[in-house]
């Protein structure tokens, strides 16, 4: 059975982004249902898979990363309102037997993501 993981890297400091608030939602019939809320660890990863076993199903999902809170806590001099406060990534799961990994590389002014391995 497949599973979903994520990883947040801070490209400003060149380090993993620890203590980033991550929320996963399932999107269905115009509704956003919260499934998981967690924080990244010292390696910028979540301690457990976000979805696995019977909860890992085909469908549309949304990950929300509280990047603004992370960069405010980092001590960087930032102007308010922040350019990026929350990073939202919508993606689909089509193969319930695969590992889906969603890495996010962030700075206060940009981010990138891809389907990792």
C-alpha atoms as a PDB file:
ATOM      1  CA  UNK A   1       0.000   0.000   0.000  1.00  0.00           C
ATOM      2  CA  UNK A   2       1.181   3.540  -0.751  1.00  0.00           C
ATOM      3  CA  UNK A   3       1.817   6.482   1.526  1.00  0.00           C
ATOM      4  CA  UNK A   4       2.327  10.265   1.507  1.00  0.00           C
ATOM      5  CA  UNK A   5       5.287  12.187   2.957  1.00  0.00           C
ATOM      6  CA  UNK A   6       6.623  15.739   2.787  1.00  0.00           C
ATOM      7  CA  UNK A   7       9.889  17.580   3.440  1.00  0.00           C
ATOM      8  CA  UNK A   8      10.491  21.330   3.875  1.00  0.00           C
ATOM      9  CA  UNK A   9      13.866  22.885   3.083  1.00  0.00           C
ATOM     10  CA  UNK A  10      14.780  26.504   3.903  1.00  0.00           C
ATOM     11  CA  UNK A  11      16.758  27.800   0.897  1.00  0.00           C
ATOM     12  CA  UNK A  12      17.526  31.106   2.638  1.00  0.00           C
ATOM     13  CA  UNK A  13      19.549  29.441   5.379  1.00  0.00           C
ATOM     14  CA  UNK A  14      20.433  26.243   3.513  1.00  0.00           C
ATOM     15  CA  UNK A  15      18.899  24.068   6.237  1.00  0.00           C
ATOM     16  CA  UNK A  16      15.893  21.844   6.852  1.00  0.00           C
ATOM     17  CA  UNK A  17      12.906  23.890   8.035  1.00  0.00           C
ATOM     18  CA  UNK A  18      11.960  22.591  11.466  1.00  0.00           C
ATOM     19  CA  UNK A  19       8.751  23.355  13.353  1.00  0.00           C
ATOM     20  CA  UNK A  20       6.780  24.270  10.224  1.00  0.00           C
ATOM     21  CA  UNK A  21       3.064  23.732  10.728  1.00  0.00           C
ATOM     22  CA  UNK A  22       1.695  21.392   8.042  1.00  0.00           C
ATOM     23  CA  UNK A  23      -1.992  20.645   7.458  1.00  0.00           C
ATOM     24  CA  UNK A  24      -3.322  18.095   4.975  1.00  0.00           C
ATOM     25  CA  UNK A  25      -6.852  18.288   3.554  1.00  0.00           C
ATOM     26  CA  UNK A  26      -8.855  16.037   1.260  1.00  0.00           C
ATOM     27  CA  UNK A  27     -10.748  17.939  -1.458  1.00  0.00           C
ATOM     28  CA  UNK A  28     -14.039  16.392  -2.479  1.00  0.00           C
ATOM     29  CA  UNK A  29     -17.304  17.802  -3.851  1.00  0.00           C
ATOM     30  CA  UNK A  30     -16.135  21.379  -3.246  1.00  0.00           C
ATOM     31  CA  UNK A  31     -15.357  20.653   0.404  1.00  0.00           C
ATOM     32  CA  UNK A  32     -12.016  20.764   2.203  1.00  0.00           C
ATOM     33  CA  UNK A  33     -11.826  18.128   4.945  1.00  0.00           C
ATOM     34  CA  UNK A  34      -8.880  18.336   7.386  1.00  0.00           C
ATOM     35  CA  UNK A  35      -7.043  15.017   7.756  1.00  0.00           C
ATOM     36  CA  UNK A  36      -3.734  15.706   9.519  1.00  0.00           C
ATOM     37  CA  UNK A  37      -2.044  18.570  11.335  1.00  0.00           C
ATOM     38  CA  UNK A  38       1.602  18.222  12.357  1.00  0.00           C
ATOM     39  CA  UNK A  39       4.956  20.009  12.653  1.00  0.00           C
ATOM     40  CA  UNK A  40       8.146  19.248  10.787  1.00  0.00           C
ATOM     41  CA  UNK A  41      11.025  17.833  12.833  1.00  0.00           C
ATOM     42  CA  UNK A  42      14.702  18.898  12.935  1.00  0.00           C
ATOM     43  CA  UNK A  43      15.233  17.316   9.506  1.00  0.00           C
ATOM     44  CA  UNK A  44      12.318  19.270   7.986  1.00  0.00           C
ATOM     45  CA  UNK A  45      10.264  16.075   7.736  1.00  0.00           C
ATOM     46  CA  UNK A  46       7.176  14.848   9.540  1.00  0.00           C
ATOM     47  CA  UNK A  47       7.756  12.042  12.044  1.00  0.00           C
ATOM     48  CA  UNK A  48       5.124   9.842  10.377  1.00  0.00           C
ATOM     49  CA  UNK A  49       3.609   9.511   6.933  1.00  0.00           C
ATOM     50  CA  UNK A  50       0.782  11.999   6.411  1.00  0.00           C
ATOM     51  CA  UNK A  51      -1.382   9.335   4.800  1.00  0.00           C
ATOM     52  CA  UNK A  52      -0.923   5.582   4.809  1.00  0.00           C
ATOM     53  CA  UNK A  53      -2.738   2.260   4.969  1.00  0.00           C
ATOM     54  CA  UNK A  54      -6.533   2.520   4.535  1.00  0.00           C
ATOM     55  CA  UNK A  55      -6.422   6.341   4.663  1.00  0.00           C
ATOM     56  CA  UNK A  56      -4.245   6.511   1.526  1.00  0.00           C
ATOM     57  CA  UNK A  57      -6.830   6.810  -1.242  1.00  0.00           C
ATOM     58  CA  UNK A  58      -7.066   8.151  -4.759  1.00  0.00           C
ATOM     59  CA  UNK A  59      -8.278  11.715  -4.885  1.00  0.00           C
ATOM     60  CA  UNK A  60      -7.393  15.386  -4.673  1.00  0.00           C
ATOM     61  CA  UNK A  61      -5.548  16.778  -1.667  1.00  0.00           C
ATOM     62  CA  UNK A  62      -4.159  20.053  -0.376  1.00  0.00           C
ATOM     63  CA  UNK A  63      -1.111  20.644   1.791  1.00  0.00           C
ATOM     64  CA  UNK A  64      -0.813  23.955   3.632  1.00  0.00           C
ATOM     65  CA  UNK A  65       2.527  25.055   5.062  1.00  0.00           C
ATOM     66  CA  UNK A  66       2.652  27.951   7.572  1.00  0.00           C
ATOM     67  CA  UNK A  67       5.834  29.394   6.090  1.00  0.00           C
ATOM     68  CA  UNK A  68       5.233  32.910   7.395  1.00  0.00           C
ATOM     69  CA  UNK A  69       5.203  31.728  11.008  1.00  0.00           C
ATOM     70  CA  UNK A  70       8.418  29.777  10.369  1.00  0.00           C
ATOM     71  CA  UNK A  71      10.278  32.773   8.913  1.00  0.00           C
ATOM     72  CA  UNK A  72       8.946  35.148  11.594  1.00  0.00           C
ATOM     73  CA  UNK A  73      10.372  32.799  14.244  1.00  0.00           C
ATOM     74  CA  UNK A  74      13.723  32.582  12.405  1.00  0.00           C
ATOM     75  CA  UNK A  75      14.601  36.171  13.271  1.00  0.00           C
ATOM     76  CA  UNK A  76      14.928  37.376   9.676  1.00  0.00           C
ATOM     77  CA  UNK A  77      14.044  41.049   9.233  1.00  0.00           C
ATOM     78  CA  UNK A  78      10.767  40.823   7.306  1.00  0.00           C
ATOM     79  CA  UNK A  79       8.283  43.426   6.168  1.00  0.00           C
ATOM     80  CA  UNK A  80       4.619  42.886   6.991  1.00  0.00           C
ATOM     81  CA  UNK A  81       2.494  41.793   5.365  1.00  0.00           C
ATOM     82  CA  UNK A  82       4.743  38.974   4.284  1.00  0.00           C
ATOM     83  CA  UNK A  83       5.060  38.214   0.592  1.00  0.00           C
ATOM     84  CA  UNK A  84       4.485  34.503   1.374  1.00  0.00           C
ATOM     85  CA  UNK A  85       2.589  33.643   4.505  1.00  0.00           C
ATOM     86  CA  UNK A  86       1.083  30.293   3.636  1.00  0.00           C
ATOM     87  CA  UNK A  87       2.205  27.924   0.879  1.00  0.00           C
ATOM     88  CA  UNK A  88      -0.680  25.885  -0.527  1.00  0.00           C
ATOM     89  CA  UNK A  89      -0.093  22.898  -2.791  1.00  0.00           C
ATOM     90  CA  UNK A  90      -2.958  21.019  -4.447  1.00  0.00           C
ATOM     91  CA  UNK A  91      -2.151  17.633  -5.901  1.00  0.00           C
ATOM     92  CA  UNK A  92      -3.732  14.359  -6.881  1.00  0.00           C
ATOM     93  CA  UNK A  93      -3.101  10.771  -5.862  1.00  0.00           C
ATOM     94  CA  UNK A  94      -3.913   8.322  -8.638  1.00  0.00           C
ATOM     95  CA  UNK A  95      -1.927   5.220  -7.657  1.00  0.00           C
ATOM     96  CA  UNK A  96      -2.750   3.826  -4.209  1.00  0.00           C
ATOM     97  CA  UNK A  97       0.281   1.524  -4.300  1.00  0.00           C
ATOM     98  CA  UNK A  98       2.899   4.292  -4.745  1.00  0.00           C
ATOM     99  CA  UNK A  99       4.883   6.526  -2.440  1.00  0.00           C
ATOM    100  CA  UNK A 100       3.974  10.171  -3.001  1.00  0.00           C
ATOM    101  CA  UNK A 101       6.560  12.598  -1.635  1.00  0.00           C
ATOM    102  CA  UNK A 102       5.962  16.371  -1.768  1.00  0.00           C
ATOM    103  CA  UNK A 103       9.174  18.292  -1.027  1.00  0.00           C
ATOM    104  CA  UNK A 104       8.957  22.073  -0.666  1.00  0.00           C
ATOM    105  CA  UNK A 105      11.908  24.438  -0.979  1.00  0.00           C
ATOM    106  CA  UNK A 106      11.068  27.817   0.579  1.00  0.00           C
ATOM    107  CA  UNK A 107      12.361  31.312   1.145  1.00  0.00           C
ATOM    108  CA  UNK A 108      10.404  34.383   2.274  1.00  0.00           C
ATOM    109  CA  UNK A 109       9.909  35.324  -1.404  1.00  0.00           C
ATOM    110  CA  UNK A 110       9.451  32.069  -3.288  1.00  0.00           C
ATOM    111  CA  UNK A 111       8.978  28.328  -3.214  1.00  0.00           C
ATOM    112  CA  UNK A 112       9.173  25.308  -5.480  1.00  0.00           C
ATOM    113  CA  UNK A 113       7.852  21.800  -5.263  1.00  0.00           C
ATOM    114  CA  UNK A 114       7.814  18.579  -7.251  1.00  0.00           C
ATOM    115  CA  UNK A 115       6.862  14.954  -6.873  1.00  0.00           C
ATOM    116  CA  UNK A 116       9.863  13.470  -5.120  1.00  0.00           C
ATOM    117  CA  UNK A 117      10.834   9.925  -4.370  1.00  0.00           C
END
